[in-house]
N, C-alpha and C. Protein backbone atom coordinates (compact mmCIF):
# COMPACT_ATOMS: atom_id res chain seq x y z
N UNK A 1 -3.89 11.74 4.65
CA UNK A 1 -2.89 10.78 5.02
C UNK A 1 -1.53 11.46 4.98
N UNK A 2 -0.75 11.23 6.02
CA UNK A 2 0.62 11.75 6.06
C UNK A 2 1.52 10.77 5.31
N UNK A 3 2.34 11.30 4.44
CA UNK A 3 3.26 10.46 3.67
C UNK A 3 4.68 10.91 3.96
N UNK A 4 5.50 9.95 4.36
CA UNK A 4 6.90 10.25 4.65
C UNK A 4 7.77 9.45 3.68
N UNK A 5 8.64 10.16 2.96
CA UNK A 5 9.55 9.53 2.00
C UNK A 5 10.96 9.62 2.54
N UNK A 6 11.61 8.46 2.62
CA UNK A 6 12.99 8.39 3.10
C UNK A 6 13.86 7.88 1.96
N UNK A 7 14.97 8.56 1.72
CA UNK A 7 15.91 8.15 0.68
C UNK A 7 17.25 7.82 1.34
N UNK A 8 17.66 6.58 1.21
CA UNK A 8 18.92 6.15 1.80
C UNK A 8 19.99 6.03 0.72
N UNK A 9 21.19 6.37 1.06
CA UNK A 9 22.38 6.19 0.23
C UNK A 9 22.37 6.97 -1.07
N UNK A 10 21.37 7.80 -1.29
CA UNK A 10 21.39 8.65 -2.47
C UNK A 10 20.19 9.58 -2.42
N UNK A 11 20.22 10.62 -3.20
CA UNK A 11 19.09 11.54 -3.28
C UNK A 11 18.27 11.19 -4.52
N UNK A 12 16.98 11.15 -4.35
CA UNK A 12 16.11 10.84 -5.47
C UNK A 12 15.46 12.13 -5.94
N UNK A 13 15.22 12.26 -7.23
CA UNK A 13 14.68 13.51 -7.78
C UNK A 13 13.32 13.88 -7.19
N UNK A 14 13.05 15.14 -7.17
CA UNK A 14 11.79 15.65 -6.64
C UNK A 14 10.59 15.12 -7.44
N UNK A 15 10.77 14.97 -8.76
CA UNK A 15 9.69 14.47 -9.61
C UNK A 15 9.32 13.03 -9.22
N UNK A 16 10.31 12.23 -8.89
CA UNK A 16 10.04 10.85 -8.45
C UNK A 16 9.29 10.86 -7.13
N UNK A 17 9.63 11.76 -6.24
CA UNK A 17 8.94 11.84 -4.97
C UNK A 17 7.49 12.29 -5.16
N UNK A 18 7.24 13.23 -6.05
CA UNK A 18 5.87 13.67 -6.35
C UNK A 18 5.07 12.55 -7.00
N UNK A 19 5.71 11.83 -7.91
CA UNK A 19 5.09 10.67 -8.56
C UNK A 19 4.68 9.64 -7.50
N UNK A 20 5.55 9.43 -6.54
CA UNK A 20 5.29 8.48 -5.47
C UNK A 20 4.11 8.92 -4.62
N UNK A 21 4.09 10.18 -4.22
CA UNK A 21 2.99 10.69 -3.39
C UNK A 21 1.64 10.56 -4.10
N UNK A 22 1.60 10.90 -5.37
CA UNK A 22 0.33 10.84 -6.09
C UNK A 22 -0.17 9.40 -6.20
N UNK A 23 0.73 8.45 -6.44
CA UNK A 23 0.32 7.05 -6.55
C UNK A 23 -0.14 6.48 -5.21
N UNK A 24 0.53 6.85 -4.14
CA UNK A 24 0.17 6.33 -2.83
C UNK A 24 -1.16 6.93 -2.38
N UNK A 25 -1.38 8.20 -2.62
CA UNK A 25 -2.64 8.84 -2.25
C UNK A 25 -3.80 8.27 -3.04
N UNK A 26 -3.54 7.76 -4.24
CA UNK A 26 -4.60 7.17 -5.05
C UNK A 26 -5.12 5.87 -4.45
N UNK A 27 -4.36 5.26 -3.56
CA UNK A 27 -4.81 4.01 -2.93
C UNK A 27 -5.98 4.23 -1.99
N UNK A 28 -6.21 5.46 -1.56
CA UNK A 28 -7.34 5.74 -0.66
C UNK A 28 -8.68 5.65 -1.38
N UNK A 29 -8.69 5.56 -2.68
CA UNK A 29 -9.96 5.48 -3.41
C UNK A 29 -10.67 4.15 -3.18
N UNK A 30 -9.96 3.17 -2.60
CA UNK A 30 -10.56 1.88 -2.32
C UNK A 30 -11.44 1.92 -1.07
N UNK A 31 -11.58 3.08 -0.48
CA UNK A 31 -12.44 3.23 0.69
C UNK A 31 -11.73 2.97 1.99
N UNK A 32 -10.49 2.62 1.95
CA UNK A 32 -9.71 2.39 3.17
C UNK A 32 -9.01 3.70 3.52
N UNK A 33 -9.15 4.13 4.75
CA UNK A 33 -8.51 5.37 5.19
C UNK A 33 -7.26 5.01 5.98
N UNK A 34 -6.15 5.55 5.55
CA UNK A 34 -4.87 5.23 6.16
C UNK A 34 -4.42 6.38 7.05
N UNK A 35 -3.77 6.02 8.15
CA UNK A 35 -3.20 7.03 9.05
C UNK A 35 -1.98 7.68 8.42
N UNK A 36 -1.06 6.82 7.95
CA UNK A 36 0.17 7.34 7.37
C UNK A 36 0.76 6.33 6.40
N UNK A 37 1.66 6.83 5.60
CA UNK A 37 2.37 5.99 4.64
C UNK A 37 3.86 6.27 4.71
N UNK A 38 4.65 5.22 4.67
CA UNK A 38 6.10 5.36 4.65
C UNK A 38 6.63 4.73 3.38
N UNK A 39 7.46 5.47 2.67
CA UNK A 39 8.11 4.96 1.47
C UNK A 39 9.60 5.10 1.69
N UNK A 40 10.31 4.01 1.53
CA UNK A 40 11.76 4.01 1.73
C UNK A 40 12.41 3.63 0.41
N UNK A 41 13.25 4.53 -0.11
CA UNK A 41 14.04 4.26 -1.30
C UNK A 41 15.47 3.98 -0.86
N UNK A 42 16.07 2.98 -1.46
CA UNK A 42 17.46 2.65 -1.17
C UNK A 42 18.11 2.25 -2.49
N UNK A 43 19.39 2.45 -2.60
CA UNK A 43 20.12 2.06 -3.80
C UNK A 43 21.23 1.10 -3.39
N UNK A 44 21.22 -0.08 -4.01
CA UNK A 44 22.25 -1.08 -3.72
C UNK A 44 22.57 -1.86 -4.99
N UNK A 45 23.83 -1.94 -5.31
CA UNK A 45 24.32 -2.71 -6.46
C UNK A 45 23.64 -2.30 -7.76
N UNK A 46 23.43 -1.03 -7.94
CA UNK A 46 22.83 -0.52 -9.17
C UNK A 46 21.33 -0.70 -9.25
N UNK A 47 20.69 -1.18 -8.21
CA UNK A 47 19.26 -1.40 -8.17
C UNK A 47 18.60 -0.41 -7.20
N UNK A 48 17.38 -0.04 -7.48
CA UNK A 48 16.60 0.79 -6.58
C UNK A 48 15.67 -0.13 -5.80
N UNK A 49 15.77 -0.07 -4.48
CA UNK A 49 14.91 -0.87 -3.62
C UNK A 49 13.86 0.07 -3.05
N UNK A 50 12.61 -0.30 -3.21
CA UNK A 50 11.51 0.53 -2.73
C UNK A 50 10.64 -0.30 -1.79
N UNK A 51 10.32 0.28 -0.64
CA UNK A 51 9.45 -0.38 0.33
C UNK A 51 8.33 0.59 0.70
N UNK A 52 7.10 0.08 0.71
CA UNK A 52 5.93 0.89 1.04
C UNK A 52 5.22 0.26 2.22
N UNK A 53 4.94 1.06 3.25
CA UNK A 53 4.21 0.62 4.43
C UNK A 53 3.04 1.58 4.62
N UNK A 54 1.82 1.06 4.57
CA UNK A 54 0.63 1.86 4.80
C UNK A 54 0.02 1.47 6.13
N UNK A 55 0.00 2.40 7.06
CA UNK A 55 -0.53 2.15 8.39
C UNK A 55 -2.02 2.48 8.40
N UNK A 56 -2.82 1.50 8.82
CA UNK A 56 -4.26 1.69 8.92
C UNK A 56 -4.61 2.18 10.31
N UNK A 57 -5.83 2.66 10.48
CA UNK A 57 -6.28 3.11 11.80
C UNK A 57 -6.38 1.95 12.77
N UNK A 58 -6.76 0.79 12.27
CA UNK A 58 -6.80 -0.40 13.11
C UNK A 58 -6.37 -1.59 12.28
N UNK A 59 -5.66 -2.51 12.88
CA UNK A 59 -5.20 -3.69 12.17
C UNK A 59 -3.77 -3.58 11.70
N UNK A 60 -3.34 -4.63 11.05
CA UNK A 60 -1.97 -4.70 10.55
C UNK A 60 -1.78 -3.78 9.34
N UNK A 61 -0.58 -3.23 9.18
CA UNK A 61 -0.33 -2.38 8.01
C UNK A 61 -0.16 -3.22 6.75
N UNK A 62 -0.34 -2.59 5.62
CA UNK A 62 -0.06 -3.21 4.33
C UNK A 62 1.39 -2.90 3.99
N UNK A 63 2.16 -3.94 3.64
CA UNK A 63 3.60 -3.78 3.38
C UNK A 63 3.94 -4.45 2.06
N UNK A 64 4.77 -3.77 1.25
CA UNK A 64 5.26 -4.36 0.01
C UNK A 64 6.62 -3.76 -0.30
N UNK A 65 7.45 -4.55 -0.99
CA UNK A 65 8.75 -4.04 -1.41
C UNK A 65 9.08 -4.62 -2.79
N UNK A 66 9.95 -3.90 -3.50
CA UNK A 66 10.35 -4.32 -4.83
C UNK A 66 11.73 -3.78 -5.13
N UNK A 67 12.41 -4.43 -6.04
CA UNK A 67 13.77 -4.03 -6.43
C UNK A 67 13.82 -3.98 -7.95
N UNK A 68 14.16 -2.82 -8.51
CA UNK A 68 14.23 -2.62 -9.96
C UNK A 68 15.42 -1.72 -10.29
N UNK A 69 15.69 -1.62 -11.56
CA UNK A 69 16.77 -0.74 -11.99
C UNK A 69 16.30 0.71 -12.08
N UNK A 70 14.97 0.92 -12.13
CA UNK A 70 14.40 2.26 -12.28
C UNK A 70 13.48 2.57 -11.10
N UNK A 71 13.54 3.77 -10.57
CA UNK A 71 12.74 4.17 -9.42
C UNK A 71 11.26 4.20 -9.70
N UNK A 72 10.86 4.70 -10.88
CA UNK A 72 9.44 4.76 -11.23
C UNK A 72 8.84 3.37 -11.34
N UNK A 73 9.57 2.47 -11.95
CA UNK A 73 9.09 1.09 -12.07
C UNK A 73 8.95 0.45 -10.70
N UNK A 74 9.90 0.71 -9.82
CA UNK A 74 9.86 0.14 -8.48
C UNK A 74 8.63 0.63 -7.72
N UNK A 75 8.35 1.92 -7.76
CA UNK A 75 7.19 2.44 -7.02
C UNK A 75 5.89 1.96 -7.65
N UNK A 76 5.83 1.85 -8.98
CA UNK A 76 4.63 1.34 -9.62
C UNK A 76 4.36 -0.10 -9.21
N UNK A 77 5.43 -0.92 -9.16
CA UNK A 77 5.27 -2.32 -8.75
C UNK A 77 4.82 -2.43 -7.30
N UNK A 78 5.39 -1.60 -6.44
CA UNK A 78 5.04 -1.64 -5.01
C UNK A 78 3.59 -1.21 -4.80
N UNK A 79 3.16 -0.17 -5.50
CA UNK A 79 1.78 0.29 -5.37
C UNK A 79 0.81 -0.78 -5.88
N UNK A 80 1.17 -1.48 -6.96
CA UNK A 80 0.33 -2.57 -7.46
C UNK A 80 0.23 -3.71 -6.46
N UNK A 81 1.33 -4.02 -5.79
CA UNK A 81 1.31 -5.07 -4.78
C UNK A 81 0.40 -4.71 -3.62
N UNK A 82 0.49 -3.48 -3.15
CA UNK A 82 -0.36 -3.04 -2.04
C UNK A 82 -1.81 -2.98 -2.49
N UNK A 83 -2.06 -2.55 -3.72
CA UNK A 83 -3.42 -2.50 -4.25
C UNK A 83 -4.05 -3.90 -4.21
N UNK A 84 -3.29 -4.91 -4.63
CA UNK A 84 -3.79 -6.29 -4.59
C UNK A 84 -4.07 -6.73 -3.16
N UNK A 85 -3.21 -6.33 -2.21
CA UNK A 85 -3.42 -6.68 -0.80
C UNK A 85 -4.72 -6.05 -0.28
N UNK A 86 -4.95 -4.80 -0.63
CA UNK A 86 -6.16 -4.11 -0.17
C UNK A 86 -7.40 -4.78 -0.74
N UNK A 87 -7.38 -5.09 -2.03
CA UNK A 87 -8.53 -5.73 -2.66
C UNK A 87 -8.80 -7.09 -2.03
N UNK A 88 -7.75 -7.86 -1.81
CA UNK A 88 -7.91 -9.17 -1.19
C UNK A 88 -8.47 -9.04 0.23
N UNK A 89 -7.98 -8.07 0.98
CA UNK A 89 -8.47 -7.83 2.34
C UNK A 89 -9.95 -7.48 2.32
N UNK A 90 -10.33 -6.58 1.42
CA UNK A 90 -11.73 -6.16 1.35
C UNK A 90 -12.64 -7.32 0.93
N UNK A 91 -12.20 -8.13 -0.05
CA UNK A 91 -13.01 -9.27 -0.47
C UNK A 91 -13.17 -10.27 0.66
N UNK A 92 -12.12 -10.53 1.39
CA UNK A 92 -12.17 -11.48 2.49
C UNK A 92 -13.11 -11.00 3.58
N UNK A 93 -12.99 -9.76 3.95
CA UNK A 93 -13.80 -9.26 5.05
C UNK A 93 -15.25 -9.04 4.66
N UNK A 94 -15.51 -8.69 3.43
CA UNK A 94 -16.91 -8.54 3.03
C UNK A 94 -17.57 -9.91 2.93
N UNK A 95 -16.84 -10.95 2.55
CA UNK A 95 -17.40 -12.30 2.50
C UNK A 95 -17.73 -12.78 3.92
N UNK A 96 -16.90 -12.47 4.88
CA UNK A 96 -17.17 -12.84 6.27
C UNK A 96 -18.43 -12.16 6.76
N UNK A 97 -18.60 -10.91 6.41
CA UNK A 97 -19.78 -10.17 6.83
C UNK A 97 -21.03 -10.79 6.23
N UNK A 98 -20.97 -11.19 4.97
CA UNK A 98 -22.13 -11.82 4.34
C UNK A 98 -22.47 -13.14 5.01
N UNK A 99 -21.44 -13.96 5.30
CA UNK A 99 -21.68 -15.25 5.95
C UNK A 99 -22.29 -15.04 7.33
N UNK A 100 -21.79 -14.06 8.05
CA UNK A 100 -22.30 -13.78 9.39
C UNK A 100 -23.77 -13.35 9.32
N UNK A 101 -24.09 -12.47 8.41
CA UNK A 101 -25.47 -12.00 8.27
C UNK A 101 -26.41 -13.12 7.84
N UNK A 102 -25.94 -14.03 6.96
CA UNK A 102 -26.76 -15.16 6.54
C UNK A 102 -27.02 -16.10 7.71
N UNK A 103 -26.03 -16.32 8.56
CA UNK A 103 -26.19 -17.20 9.71
C UNK A 103 -27.21 -16.61 10.69
N UNK A 104 -27.17 -15.33 10.91
CA UNK A 104 -28.13 -14.68 11.81
C UNK A 104 -29.54 -14.77 11.21
N UNK A 105 -29.63 -14.57 9.93
CA UNK A 105 -30.93 -14.62 9.25
C UNK A 105 -31.53 -16.03 9.34
N UNK A 106 -30.72 -17.07 9.17
CA UNK A 106 -31.20 -18.44 9.27
C UNK A 106 -31.72 -18.77 10.66
N UNK A 107 -31.06 -18.25 11.69
CA UNK A 107 -31.48 -18.52 13.06
C UNK A 107 -32.84 -17.90 13.35
N UNK A 108 -33.14 -16.74 12.76
CA UNK A 108 -34.41 -16.06 13.00
C UNK A 108 -35.57 -16.78 12.35
N UNK A 109 -35.34 -17.45 11.22
CA UNK A 109 -36.44 -18.09 10.50
C UNK A 109 -36.61 -19.53 10.85
């Protein structure tokens, strides 16, 4: 997965950027393969605003944003939000597949 980090209105430390990359790459363990990821850091009124967009090969991207006083906390919160979105998506779609298969099975018998 290609990961692009954009920092607006200030420079963020290299360690924070590495922390961000490792957390975002860990999201692929859910079995979803992403084309690319965009992380946008911004600083406004003493707060760090973090937005994460994960582009899938097909379908709508997963998007989350958070605002905190600390960059690490912001990225952790954003990754948790996207993680919940992925889990919810997978649960929804696997339930549809089960219902569909049950309906086909009932028609055959």
